[in-house]
Every structure is written in structure tokens, then in C-alpha cells.
């Protein structure tokens, strides 16, 4: 069985051939503005625009914990917005479009939601013939532990034959 490949670098610029999905975890309150999403937004506007519209129209779509939204940013690159955290850490005080602070109590990571989103991602990655690239999802502002997330990535993606690369942002 394959394993997760770990590299130093930027998950927004995977250097492999073929179709690629860049996966990350989003919150369920419509906040976008801290952490890995900033690197995504510097590279492409579409993932943030799609996420905000998805959240704004959530009464009539599938936006919820565990949901997956794939956004095509290049012919061979997709971004996977995975809703895997409830709220945000209090110290990460994101602001909504209207300027209102967004916050919640406790650690926002929801491992079950990440697991559900990863299962959905596996289906789509296999359909696309894509490899998946990510930072240590759920372990930044979401407050999760990689020792809990890694087995989910292995179980949902790697065991189904999806090539996964995890990026640790290098110095410099």
C-alpha cells in the first residue's frame, strides 16, 4: 500500500504531472481570511469567491460540516474547499464581509466532518484521476492534531489509491 508523501514546500504549487486537487479545511461560518486560505487567495480568486457564495446561499445547497466544494482554477488544478471546522478559534478573530467578528468557544476542528469530506474528496479525485495536495489540514487555525487527521487521510484517500502529498511550509 502507498503512503502519504511529505515534502517541504508550498501546497499551492504542486510540482507533479497530471490533474491535481489542492485540499484544505474551511469553517462553517463563512469566514475566509487567515491561514492557508490566504495563500490560495494570493494565487487564485475563485476558491474564496465560490466558498463565500456557497456559504451565502447555504439555505438552498449542501453547505454544512463534512461538505466538499471543488473549484477549478486551472485546466489541471482544482481546489477542494472542505467544511471541517465549526466556527474559528477565538484568537483567530476573523471578520465577515460586513466586518462583524466571527468566533466560537473551544477548538473548532471536527474530525468527523473532515472524515466525511475526505471520503467525498476520494470519490472525486478518483473520477478525475487526480493526486491530492494539502497542508496538514485541520491542524492550523482549526486547532486539530495531525495524529488524529493523518489516519483519516490514509483511510479515506491513500487506501483507495489516491496519491497524497502533504506540504510542510519551508523556511525562507
Protein backbone atom coordinates (compact mmCIF):
# COMPACT_ATOMS: atom_id res chain seq x y z
CA UNK A 1 0.00 0.00 0.00
CA UNK A 2 1.16 3.53 -0.72
CA UNK A 3 1.80 6.07 1.97
CA UNK A 4 1.45 9.81 2.29
CA UNK A 5 4.41 11.68 0.79
CA UNK A 6 5.69 14.51 2.99
CA UNK A 7 7.61 17.41 1.45
CA UNK A 8 8.77 20.89 2.37
CA UNK A 9 7.17 23.49 0.18
CA UNK A 10 4.03 25.32 -0.83
CA UNK A 11 0.89 23.21 -1.27
CA UNK A 12 -0.46 25.78 -3.75
CA UNK A 13 2.23 24.85 -6.28
CA UNK A 14 2.32 21.05 -6.56
CA UNK A 15 5.07 20.08 -8.99
CA UNK A 16 3.72 16.77 -10.28
CA UNK A 17 2.25 15.94 -13.66
CA UNK A 18 -1.42 15.26 -14.18
CA UNK A 19 -4.58 16.51 -12.54
CA UNK A 20 -4.12 17.88 -9.02
CA UNK A 21 -6.54 18.74 -6.22
CA UNK A 22 -5.34 21.12 -3.51
CA UNK A 23 -7.35 20.31 -0.39
CA UNK A 24 -7.88 22.43 2.70
CA UNK A 25 -10.32 22.80 5.58
CA UNK A 26 -12.80 25.67 5.82
CA UNK A 27 -15.02 26.80 8.67
CA UNK A 28 -18.82 26.67 8.70
CA UNK A 29 -19.37 30.40 9.40
CA UNK A 30 -18.33 31.92 6.08
CA UNK A 31 -15.04 33.33 7.37
CA UNK A 32 -12.10 33.38 4.96
CA UNK A 33 -9.03 35.42 5.79
CA UNK A 34 -6.45 33.63 7.94
CA UNK A 35 -4.14 30.71 7.48
CA UNK A 36 -3.74 28.64 4.31
CA UNK A 37 -6.66 30.34 2.55
CA UNK A 38 -4.54 33.48 2.23
CA UNK A 39 -2.02 31.56 0.10
CA UNK A 40 -4.88 30.23 -2.03
CA UNK A 41 -6.35 33.71 -2.48
CA UNK A 42 -2.98 35.16 -3.47
CA UNK A 43 -2.80 32.61 -6.28
CA UNK A 44 -6.47 32.44 -7.41
CA UNK A 45 -9.64 34.40 -6.53
CA UNK A 46 -12.07 31.61 -7.47
CA UNK A 47 -11.86 29.39 -4.34
CA UNK A 48 -12.75 32.28 -2.00
CA UNK A 49 -15.48 33.59 -4.31
CA UNK A 50 -17.01 30.11 -4.64
CA UNK A 51 -16.79 29.44 -0.88
CA UNK A 52 -18.43 32.75 0.03
CA UNK A 53 -21.26 32.21 -2.48
CA UNK A 54 -21.67 28.61 -1.25
CA UNK A 55 -21.99 29.85 2.35
CA UNK A 56 -24.21 32.81 1.45
CA UNK A 57 -26.64 30.51 -0.41
CA UNK A 58 -26.41 27.67 2.14
CA UNK A 59 -30.18 27.56 2.70
CA UNK A 60 -30.54 26.13 -0.80
CA UNK A 61 -27.40 23.98 -1.19
CA UNK A 62 -25.30 21.30 0.55
CA UNK A 63 -23.10 23.65 2.65
CA UNK A 64 -22.62 22.00 6.07
CA UNK A 65 -19.96 20.28 8.13
CA UNK A 66 -18.46 17.50 6.01
CA UNK A 67 -19.39 19.11 2.69
CA UNK A 68 -17.00 19.35 -0.23
CA UNK A 69 -16.82 22.01 -2.94
CA UNK A 70 -14.41 21.54 -5.85
CA UNK A 71 -13.35 24.71 -7.65
CA UNK A 72 -11.40 24.52 -10.90
CA UNK A 73 -8.61 27.12 -11.01
CA UNK A 74 -6.58 25.82 -13.97
CA UNK A 75 -7.25 23.13 -16.57
CA UNK A 76 -5.39 20.58 -14.42
CA UNK A 77 -5.78 22.09 -10.91
CA UNK A 78 -8.78 22.07 -8.60
CA UNK A 79 -9.14 23.44 -5.06
CA UNK A 80 -11.19 21.38 -2.59
CA UNK A 81 -12.98 23.54 -0.02
CA UNK A 82 -13.83 21.04 2.76
CA UNK A 83 -16.02 22.22 5.63
CA UNK A 84 -14.29 20.65 8.61
CA UNK A 85 -14.39 23.15 11.43
CA UNK A 86 -17.20 24.68 13.44
CA UNK A 87 -16.51 28.37 13.90
CA UNK A 88 -12.98 29.66 14.42
CA UNK A 89 -10.55 29.87 17.32
CA UNK A 90 -11.26 32.93 19.49
CA UNK A 91 -7.70 34.24 18.95
CA UNK A 92 -8.13 33.95 15.17
CA UNK A 93 -10.91 36.55 15.14
CA UNK A 94 -11.93 36.50 11.50
CA UNK A 95 -14.33 39.13 10.25
CA UNK A 96 -17.27 38.51 7.99
CA UNK A 97 -17.77 40.56 4.81
CA UNK A 98 -19.78 43.03 6.89
CA UNK A 99 -16.94 43.45 9.38
CA UNK A 100 -18.58 41.55 12.24
CA UNK A 101 -16.13 39.44 14.31
CA UNK A 102 -16.65 35.69 13.98
CA UNK A 103 -15.72 33.48 16.90
CA UNK A 104 -16.57 30.38 18.88
CA UNK A 105 -15.53 28.65 22.08
CA UNK A 106 -13.22 25.65 22.09
CA UNK A 107 -11.20 24.06 19.33
CA UNK A 108 -13.11 24.32 16.03
CA UNK A 109 -11.77 21.18 14.30
CA UNK A 110 -14.41 18.50 13.66
CA UNK A 111 -12.67 15.24 12.83
CA UNK A 112 -15.88 13.51 11.78
CA UNK A 113 -16.59 16.32 9.30
CA UNK A 114 -13.05 16.10 7.89
CA UNK A 115 -13.51 12.35 7.54
CA UNK A 116 -16.78 12.81 5.64
CA UNK A 117 -15.27 15.48 3.37
CA UNK A 118 -12.22 13.28 2.67
CA UNK A 119 -14.49 10.39 1.65
CA UNK A 120 -16.24 12.72 -0.80
CA UNK A 121 -12.87 14.01 -1.99
CA UNK A 122 -11.65 10.46 -2.65
CA UNK A 123 -14.61 9.80 -4.94
CA UNK A 124 -13.97 12.98 -6.92
CA UNK A 125 -10.17 12.52 -7.06
CA UNK A 126 -10.64 9.02 -8.44
CA UNK A 127 -13.16 10.30 -11.03
CA UNK A 128 -10.67 12.98 -12.11
CA UNK A 129 -7.61 10.72 -11.93
CA UNK A 130 -6.11 13.35 -9.63
CA UNK A 131 -3.46 13.40 -6.96
CA UNK A 132 -4.26 15.34 -3.76
CA UNK A 133 -2.02 18.00 -2.22
CA UNK A 134 -2.55 19.65 1.15
CA UNK A 135 -1.02 21.28 4.18
CA UNK A 136 -1.62 19.43 7.46
CA UNK A 137 -5.35 20.05 7.17
CA UNK A 138 -7.30 20.86 10.31
CA UNK A 139 -4.10 21.45 12.30
CA UNK A 140 -3.59 25.19 11.90
CA UNK A 141 -6.32 27.61 12.93
CA UNK A 142 -8.77 24.71 13.34
CA UNK A 143 -6.67 23.54 16.31
CA UNK A 144 -6.54 19.86 15.39
CA UNK A 145 -3.79 17.30 15.87
CA UNK A 146 -2.13 15.63 12.88
CA UNK A 147 -2.02 12.36 14.84
CA UNK A 148 -5.85 12.37 14.53
CA UNK A 149 -6.07 13.67 10.93
CA UNK A 150 -3.36 11.55 9.31
CA UNK A 151 -5.23 8.25 9.81
CA UNK A 152 -8.31 9.83 8.19
CA UNK A 153 -6.27 10.90 5.15
CA UNK A 154 -4.72 7.44 4.93
CA UNK A 155 -8.01 5.62 5.36
CA UNK A 156 -10.12 7.73 3.02
CA UNK A 157 -7.61 8.61 0.29
CA UNK A 158 -4.41 6.54 0.34
CA UNK A 159 -6.13 3.17 0.88
CA UNK A 160 -8.36 3.90 -2.11
CA UNK A 161 -5.35 4.51 -4.34
CA UNK A 162 -5.27 8.31 -4.32
CA UNK A 163 -1.72 9.74 -4.28
CA UNK A 164 -1.43 12.25 -1.42
CA UNK A 165 1.31 14.78 -0.75
CA UNK A 166 1.37 16.78 2.49
CA UNK A 167 3.34 20.02 2.46
CA UNK A 168 5.14 21.48 5.43
CA UNK A 169 5.86 25.09 4.58
CA UNK A 170 9.62 25.50 4.39
CA UNK A 171 11.71 28.29 5.85
CA UNK A 172 12.59 31.25 3.73
